[in-house]
Amino acid sequence: MTNVATRIQILRQLETVATRLESPKLNGPQRMALLRRQAELGDQRDVLAERARRAAATAV
């Protein structure tokens, strides 16, 4: 999968998690699981951005 496709997939998942977090029906453990997933996805997004920056710096 390309970096662009991976980034889009991560952003969609982040959007889904954010929408689920807005639900008032969540209990504590469910909310914590979603917050952990949101953090993992954010980390993945940051890794992809760093790779893109390094690739751009190397290409110059």
PDB file of N, CA and C in Angstrom:
ATOM      1  N   MET A   1       0.844  -1.178   0.000  1.00  0.00           N
ATOM      2  CA  MET A   1       0.000   0.000   0.000  1.00  0.00           C
ATOM      3  C   MET A   1       0.887   1.239   0.000  1.00  0.00           C
ATOM      4  N   THR A   2       0.496   2.231  -0.725  1.00  0.00           N
ATOM      5  CA  THR A   2       1.292   3.445  -0.797  1.00  0.00           C
ATOM      6  C   THR A   2       1.113   4.274   0.464  1.00  0.00           C
ATOM      7  N   ASN A   3       2.042   5.189   0.658  1.00  0.00           N
ATOM      8  CA  ASN A   3       1.957   6.064   1.832  1.00  0.00           C
ATOM      9  C   ASN A   3       0.692   6.910   1.808  1.00  0.00           C
ATOM     10  N   VAL A   4       0.293   7.345   0.609  1.00  0.00           N
ATOM     11  CA  VAL A   4      -0.909   8.178   0.503  1.00  0.00           C
ATOM     12  C   VAL A   4      -2.138   7.367   0.898  1.00  0.00           C
ATOM     13  N   ALA A   5      -2.239   6.146   0.390  1.00  0.00           N
ATOM     14  CA  ALA A   5      -3.382   5.291   0.718  1.00  0.00           C
ATOM     15  C   ALA A   5      -3.391   4.960   2.201  1.00  0.00           C
ATOM     16  N   THR A   6      -2.219   4.691   2.756  1.00  0.00           N
ATOM     17  CA  THR A   6      -2.122   4.386   4.182  1.00  0.00           C
ATOM     18  C   THR A   6      -2.540   5.597   5.005  1.00  0.00           C
ATOM     19  N   ARG A   7      -2.081   6.764   4.597  1.00  0.00           N
ATOM     20  CA  ARG A   7      -2.431   8.000   5.316  1.00  0.00           C
ATOM     21  C   ARG A   7      -3.936   8.245   5.281  1.00  0.00           C
ATOM     22  N   ILE A   8      -4.541   8.026   4.124  1.00  0.00           N
ATOM     23  CA  ILE A   8      -5.989   8.217   3.991  1.00  0.00           C
ATOM     24  C   ILE A   8      -6.733   7.232   4.888  1.00  0.00           C
ATOM     25  N   GLN A   9      -6.267   5.993   4.910  1.00  0.00           N
ATOM     26  CA  GLN A   9      -6.891   4.978   5.759  1.00  0.00           C
ATOM     27  C   GLN A   9      -6.792   5.368   7.236  1.00  0.00           C
ATOM     28  N   ILE A  10      -5.631   5.840   7.646  1.00  0.00           N
ATOM     29  CA  ILE A  10      -5.440   6.256   9.043  1.00  0.00           C
ATOM     30  C   ILE A  10      -6.352   7.435   9.371  1.00  0.00           C
ATOM     31  N   LEU A  11      -6.436   8.403   8.475  1.00  0.00           N
ATOM     32  CA  LEU A  11      -7.283   9.568   8.724  1.00  0.00           C
ATOM     33  C   LEU A  11      -8.756   9.182   8.826  1.00  0.00           C
ATOM     34  N   ARG A  12      -9.185   8.240   7.992  1.00  0.00           N
ATOM     35  CA  ARG A  12     -10.573   7.770   8.073  1.00  0.00           C
ATOM     36  C   ARG A  12     -10.834   7.074   9.403  1.00  0.00           C
ATOM     37  N   GLN A  13      -9.876   6.257   9.833  1.00  0.00           N
ATOM     38  CA  GLN A  13     -10.039   5.569  11.108  1.00  0.00           C
ATOM     39  C   GLN A  13     -10.053   6.568  12.268  1.00  0.00           C
ATOM     40  N   LEU A  14      -9.218   7.591  12.187  1.00  0.00           N
ATOM     41  CA  LEU A  14      -9.224   8.631  13.222  1.00  0.00           C
ATOM     42  C   LEU A  14     -10.583   9.329  13.278  1.00  0.00           C
ATOM     43  N   GLU A  15     -11.152   9.587  12.125  1.00  0.00           N
ATOM     44  CA  GLU A  15     -12.462  10.226  12.060  1.00  0.00           C
ATOM     45  C   GLU A  15     -13.530   9.330  12.693  1.00  0.00           C
ATOM     46  N   THR A  16     -13.468   8.039  12.398  1.00  0.00           N
ATOM     47  CA  THR A  16     -14.414   7.090  12.958  1.00  0.00           C
ATOM     48  C   THR A  16     -14.290   7.028  14.477  1.00  0.00           C
ATOM     49  N   VAL A  17     -13.069   6.977  14.970  1.00  0.00           N
ATOM     50  CA  VAL A  17     -12.843   6.925  16.419  1.00  0.00           C
ATOM     51  C   VAL A  17     -13.366   8.203  17.073  1.00  0.00           C
ATOM     52  N   ALA A  18     -13.093   9.339  16.459  1.00  0.00           N
ATOM     53  CA  ALA A  18     -13.563  10.611  17.021  1.00  0.00           C
ATOM     54  C   ALA A  18     -15.091  10.640  17.098  1.00  0.00           C
ATOM     55  N   THR A  19     -15.747  10.120  16.072  1.00  0.00           N
ATOM     56  CA  THR A  19     -17.203  10.072  16.064  1.00  0.00           C
ATOM     57  C   THR A  19     -17.714   9.164  17.173  1.00  0.00           C
ATOM     58  N   ARG A  20     -17.075   8.022  17.348  1.00  0.00           N
ATOM     59  CA  ARG A  20     -17.492   7.089  18.404  1.00  0.00           C
ATOM     60  C   ARG A  20     -17.270   7.702  19.791  1.00  0.00           C
ATOM     61  N   LEU A  21     -16.213   8.485  19.939  1.00  0.00           N
ATOM     62  CA  LEU A  21     -15.931   9.101  21.238  1.00  0.00           C
ATOM     63  C   LEU A  21     -16.991  10.126  21.628  1.00  0.00           C
ATOM     64  N   GLU A  22     -17.701  10.655  20.657  1.00  0.00           N
ATOM     65  CA  GLU A  22     -18.751  11.639  20.939  1.00  0.00           C
ATOM     66  C   GLU A  22     -19.996  11.002  21.541  1.00  0.00           C
ATOM     67  N   SER A  23     -20.102   9.684  21.457  1.00  0.00           N
ATOM     68  CA  SER A  23     -21.286   8.978  21.946  1.00  0.00           C
ATOM     69  C   SER A  23     -21.372   9.039  23.470  1.00  0.00           C
ATOM     70  N   PRO A  24     -22.521   9.434  23.979  1.00  0.00           N
ATOM     71  CA  PRO A  24     -22.687   9.464  25.442  1.00  0.00           C
ATOM     72  C   PRO A  24     -22.912   8.070  26.033  1.00  0.00           C
ATOM     73  N   LYS A  25     -23.084   7.062  25.187  1.00  0.00           N
ATOM     74  CA  LYS A  25     -23.378   5.707  25.651  1.00  0.00           C
ATOM     75  C   LYS A  25     -22.132   4.920  26.050  1.00  0.00           C
ATOM     76  N   LEU A  26     -20.958   5.497  25.856  1.00  0.00           N
ATOM     77  CA  LEU A  26     -19.723   4.780  26.170  1.00  0.00           C
ATOM     78  C   LEU A  26     -19.507   4.682  27.671  1.00  0.00           C
ATOM     79  N   ASN A  27     -19.028   3.509  28.100  1.00  0.00           N
ATOM     80  CA  ASN A  27     -18.635   3.390  29.496  1.00  0.00           C
ATOM     81  C   ASN A  27     -17.120   3.615  29.583  1.00  0.00           C
ATOM     82  N   GLY A  28     -16.590   3.590  30.766  1.00  0.00           N
ATOM     83  CA  GLY A  28     -15.176   3.896  30.983  1.00  0.00           C
ATOM     84  C   GLY A  28     -14.213   3.050  30.160  1.00  0.00           C
ATOM     85  N   PRO A  29     -14.318   1.714  30.228  1.00  0.00           N
ATOM     86  CA  PRO A  29     -13.387   0.870  29.466  1.00  0.00           C
ATOM     87  C   PRO A  29     -13.498   1.056  27.947  1.00  0.00           C
ATOM     88  N   GLN A  30     -14.710   1.275  27.454  1.00  0.00           N
ATOM     89  CA  GLN A  30     -14.885   1.506  26.017  1.00  0.00           C
ATOM     90  C   GLN A  30     -14.210   2.817  25.599  1.00  0.00           C
ATOM     91  N   ARG A  31     -14.403   3.838  26.407  1.00  0.00           N
ATOM     92  CA  ARG A  31     -13.797   5.143  26.109  1.00  0.00           C
ATOM     93  C   ARG A  31     -12.269   5.050  26.134  1.00  0.00           C
ATOM     94  N   MET A  32     -11.740   4.333  27.112  1.00  0.00           N
ATOM     95  CA  MET A  32     -10.281   4.173  27.205  1.00  0.00           C
ATOM     96  C   MET A  32      -9.734   3.411  25.999  1.00  0.00           C
ATOM     97  N   ALA A  33     -10.442   2.382  25.558  1.00  0.00           N
ATOM     98  CA  ALA A  33     -10.006   1.616  24.386  1.00  0.00           C
ATOM     99  C   ALA A  33      -9.981   2.511  23.154  1.00  0.00           C
ATOM    100  N   LEU A  34     -10.997   3.352  23.003  1.00  0.00           N
ATOM    101  CA  LEU A  34     -11.032   4.270  21.853  1.00  0.00           C
ATOM    102  C   LEU A  34      -9.928   5.324  21.949  1.00  0.00           C
ATOM    103  N   LEU A  35      -9.673   5.816  23.145  1.00  0.00           N
ATOM    104  CA  LEU A  35      -8.606   6.799  23.315  1.00  0.00           C
ATOM    105  C   LEU A  35      -7.239   6.188  23.005  1.00  0.00           C
ATOM    106  N   ARG A  36      -7.037   4.924  23.399  1.00  0.00           N
ATOM    107  CA  ARG A  36      -5.782   4.237  23.072  1.00  0.00           C
ATOM    108  C   ARG A  36      -5.653   4.078  21.559  1.00  0.00           C
ATOM    109  N   ARG A  37      -6.754   3.687  20.914  1.00  0.00           N
ATOM    110  CA  ARG A  37      -6.734   3.513  19.451  1.00  0.00           C
ATOM    111  C   ARG A  37      -6.447   4.844  18.768  1.00  0.00           C
ATOM    112  N   GLN A  38      -7.032   5.906  19.271  1.00  0.00           N
ATOM    113  CA  GLN A  38      -6.800   7.229  18.703  1.00  0.00           C
ATOM    114  C   GLN A  38      -5.326   7.610  18.827  1.00  0.00           C
ATOM    115  N   ALA A  39      -4.728   7.296  19.962  1.00  0.00           N
ATOM    116  CA  ALA A  39      -3.309   7.589  20.158  1.00  0.00           C
ATOM    117  C   ALA A  39      -2.444   6.754  19.219  1.00  0.00           C
ATOM    118  N   GLU A  40      -2.778   5.471  19.053  1.00  0.00           N
ATOM    119  CA  GLU A  40      -2.022   4.612  18.140  1.00  0.00           C
ATOM    120  C   GLU A  40      -2.095   5.133  16.705  1.00  0.00           C
ATOM    121  N   LEU A  41      -3.288   5.513  16.287  1.00  0.00           N
ATOM    122  CA  LEU A  41      -3.461   6.031  14.929  1.00  0.00           C
ATOM    123  C   LEU A  41      -2.707   7.351  14.748  1.00  0.00           C
ATOM    124  N   GLY A  42      -2.729   8.184  15.765  1.00  0.00           N
ATOM    125  CA  GLY A  42      -1.982   9.436  15.699  1.00  0.00           C
ATOM    126  C   GLY A  42      -0.489   9.180  15.568  1.00  0.00           C
ATOM    127  N   ASP A  43       0.008   8.184  16.299  1.00  0.00           N
ATOM    128  CA  ASP A  43       1.426   7.817  16.199  1.00  0.00           C
ATOM    129  C   ASP A  43       1.757   7.314  14.797  1.00  0.00           C
ATOM    130  N   GLN A  44       0.883   6.489  14.235  1.00  0.00           N
ATOM    131  CA  GLN A  44       1.098   5.976  12.881  1.00  0.00           C
ATOM    132  C   GLN A  44       1.109   7.120  11.863  1.00  0.00           C
ATOM    133  N   ARG A  45       0.195   8.066  12.033  1.00  0.00           N
ATOM    134  CA  ARG A  45       0.136   9.223  11.147  1.00  0.00           C
ATOM    135  C   ARG A  45       1.430  10.037  11.228  1.00  0.00           C
ATOM    136  N   ASP A  46       1.933  10.210  12.453  1.00  0.00           N
ATOM    137  CA  ASP A  46       3.168  10.962  12.646  1.00  0.00           C
ATOM    138  C   ASP A  46       4.369  10.257  12.027  1.00  0.00           C
ATOM    139  N   VAL A  47       4.413   8.925  12.128  1.00  0.00           N
ATOM    140  CA  VAL A  47       5.509   8.158  11.520  1.00  0.00           C
ATOM    141  C   VAL A  47       5.487   8.329  10.007  1.00  0.00           C
ATOM    142  N   LEU A  48       4.313   8.258   9.408  1.00  0.00           N
ATOM    143  CA  LEU A  48       4.214   8.445   7.952  1.00  0.00           C
ATOM    144  C   LEU A  48       4.653   9.849   7.540  1.00  0.00           C
ATOM    145  N   ALA A  49       4.261  10.846   8.322  1.00  0.00           N
ATOM    146  CA  ALA A  49       4.653  12.219   8.011  1.00  0.00           C
ATOM    147  C   ALA A  49       6.170  12.379   8.112  1.00  0.00           C
ATOM    148  N   GLU A  50       6.772  11.775   9.126  1.00  0.00           N
ATOM    149  CA  GLU A  50       8.226  11.847   9.291  1.00  0.00           C
ATOM    150  C   GLU A  50       8.939  11.162   8.128  1.00  0.00           C
ATOM    151  N   ARG A  51       8.432  10.016   7.711  1.00  0.00           N
ATOM    152  CA  ARG A  51       9.022   9.315   6.559  1.00  0.00           C
ATOM    153  C   ARG A  51       8.941  10.170   5.305  1.00  0.00           C
ATOM    154  N   ALA A  52       7.809  10.828   5.114  1.00  0.00           N
ATOM    155  CA  ALA A  52       7.642  11.681   3.939  1.00  0.00           C
ATOM    156  C   ALA A  52       8.614  12.858   3.991  1.00  0.00           C
ATOM    157  N   ARG A  53       8.795  13.444   5.165  1.00  0.00           N
ATOM    158  CA  ARG A  53       9.744  14.561   5.295  1.00  0.00           C
ATOM    159  C   ARG A  53      11.166  14.102   4.999  1.00  0.00           C
ATOM    160  N   ARG A  54      11.531  12.940   5.515  1.00  0.00           N
ATOM    161  CA  ARG A  54      12.885  12.424   5.272  1.00  0.00           C
ATOM    162  C   ARG A  54      13.095  12.091   3.798  1.00  0.00           C
ATOM    163  N   ALA A  55      12.077  11.519   3.165  1.00  0.00           N
ATOM    164  CA  ALA A  55      12.178  11.188   1.735  1.00  0.00           C
ATOM    165  C   ALA A  55      12.315  12.460   0.905  1.00  0.00           C
ATOM    166  N   ALA A  56      11.581  13.504   1.294  1.00  0.00           N
ATOM    167  CA  ALA A  56      11.666  14.769   0.567  1.00  0.00           C
ATOM    168  C   ALA A  56      13.030  15.407   0.767  1.00  0.00           C
ATOM    169  N   ALA A  57      13.571  15.308   1.956  1.00  0.00           N
ATOM    170  CA  ALA A  57      14.885  15.889   2.236  1.00  0.00           C
ATOM    171  C   ALA A  57      15.985  15.125   1.485  1.00  0.00           C
ATOM    172  N   THR A  58      15.822  13.828   1.351  1.00  0.00           N
ATOM    173  CA  THR A  58      16.795  13.018   0.642  1.00  0.00           C
ATOM    174  C   THR A  58      16.737  13.253  -0.853  1.00  0.00           C
ATOM    175  N   ALA A  59      15.541  13.526  -1.378  1.00  0.00           N
ATOM    176  CA  ALA A  59      15.356  13.727  -2.813  1.00  0.00           C
ATOM    177  C   ALA A  59      15.942  15.043  -3.288  1.00  0.00           C
ATOM    178  N   VAL A  60      16.115  15.985  -2.403  1.00  0.00           N
ATOM    179  CA  VAL A  60      16.618  17.317  -2.781  1.00  0.00           C
ATOM    180  C   VAL A  60      18.084  17.340  -2.943  1.00  0.00           C
TER     181      VAL A  60
END
